[in-house]
Amino acid sequence: MKTITLHFSESIAEKLNEFLKTFSDKDLKIESGNDAQFQAAKKELQKDYDLYKKNKNPLISVDEAEEEMNALFSK
């Protein structure tokens, strides 16, 4: 799925929500900034970013990660 962020005035909120509800859950997922799952993901992402900035976690390439995973699970 693709993600967009919308900023809209309170005056159109009800009409916009009604329109968005016409789409199936398969085609559209609405996450508000107050959603607990959204806030948890945001917090986890900030934590990961802070660790990255402090350089406590070594960075590896996707290929290296795949090699490590294959070695781990092939035992």
Protein backbone atom coordinates (compact mmCIF):
# COMPACT_ATOMS: atom_id res chain seq x y z
CA MET A 1 0.00 0.00 0.00
CA LYS A 2 1.04 3.59 -0.53
CA THR A 3 0.87 6.19 2.22
CA ILE A 4 -0.16 9.83 2.06
CA THR A 5 -0.67 12.44 4.76
CA LEU A 6 -3.64 14.76 4.51
CA HIS A 7 -4.07 18.05 6.32
CA PHE A 8 -7.67 19.21 6.17
CA SER A 9 -9.89 21.74 7.88
CA GLU A 10 -12.48 20.75 10.45
CA SER A 11 -15.17 22.06 8.11
CA ILE A 12 -14.67 19.18 5.65
CA ALA A 13 -13.75 16.44 8.14
CA GLU A 14 -17.19 14.80 8.20
CA LYS A 15 -17.60 14.82 4.40
CA LEU A 16 -14.06 13.50 3.92
CA ASN A 17 -14.56 10.69 6.43
CA GLU A 18 -17.86 9.68 4.81
CA PHE A 19 -16.18 9.58 1.39
CA LEU A 20 -13.23 7.53 2.68
CA LYS A 21 -15.60 5.03 4.31
CA THR A 22 -16.91 4.14 0.83
CA PHE A 23 -13.67 2.23 0.17
CA SER A 24 -13.12 -1.32 1.41
CA ASP A 25 -10.69 -2.12 4.22
CA LYS A 26 -8.68 -4.02 1.63
CA ASP A 27 -8.22 -0.87 -0.46
CA LEU A 28 -7.88 1.78 2.23
CA LYS A 29 -6.67 1.82 5.82
CA ILE A 30 -7.10 5.00 7.80
CA GLU A 31 -4.70 5.68 10.66
CA SER A 32 -5.16 8.78 12.73
CA GLY A 33 -2.32 10.44 14.56
CA ASN A 34 -4.08 9.49 17.79
CA ASP A 35 -4.30 5.79 16.91
CA ALA A 36 -2.49 3.66 19.55
CA GLN A 37 -0.89 1.44 16.91
CA PHE A 38 0.34 4.50 15.00
CA GLN A 39 1.77 6.03 18.17
CA ALA A 40 3.52 2.75 19.09
CA ALA A 41 5.08 2.51 15.61
CA LYS A 42 6.14 6.15 15.77
CA LYS A 43 7.76 5.62 19.17
CA GLU A 44 9.60 2.50 17.99
CA LEU A 45 10.82 4.26 14.85
CA GLN A 46 12.09 7.20 16.91
CA LYS A 47 13.90 4.78 19.24
CA ASP A 48 15.53 3.02 16.27
CA TYR A 49 16.53 6.37 14.75
CA ASP A 50 18.04 7.56 18.04
CA LEU A 51 20.09 4.36 18.28
CA TYR A 52 21.23 4.79 14.69
CA LYS A 53 22.31 8.37 15.37
CA LYS A 54 24.30 7.23 18.42
CA ASN A 55 25.85 4.53 16.20
CA LYS A 56 25.32 1.82 18.82
CA ASN A 57 23.99 -0.58 16.22
CA PRO A 58 26.29 -1.59 13.38
CA LEU A 59 24.77 -1.15 9.95
CA ILE A 60 24.88 -4.06 7.53
CA SER A 61 23.73 -4.46 3.96
CA VAL A 62 20.61 -6.35 2.94
CA ASP A 63 22.82 -9.11 1.49
CA GLU A 64 24.72 -9.44 4.77
CA ALA A 65 21.45 -9.57 6.71
CA GLU A 66 20.13 -12.31 4.43
CA GLU A 67 23.34 -14.30 4.86
CA GLU A 68 23.06 -14.01 8.65
CA MET A 69 19.42 -15.06 8.61
CA ASN A 70 20.13 -18.01 6.33
CA ALA A 71 22.99 -19.12 8.56
CA LEU A 72 20.83 -18.79 11.66
CA PHE A 73 17.85 -20.71 10.31
CA SER A 74 19.70 -23.37 8.35
CA LYS A 75 20.98 -25.01 11.57
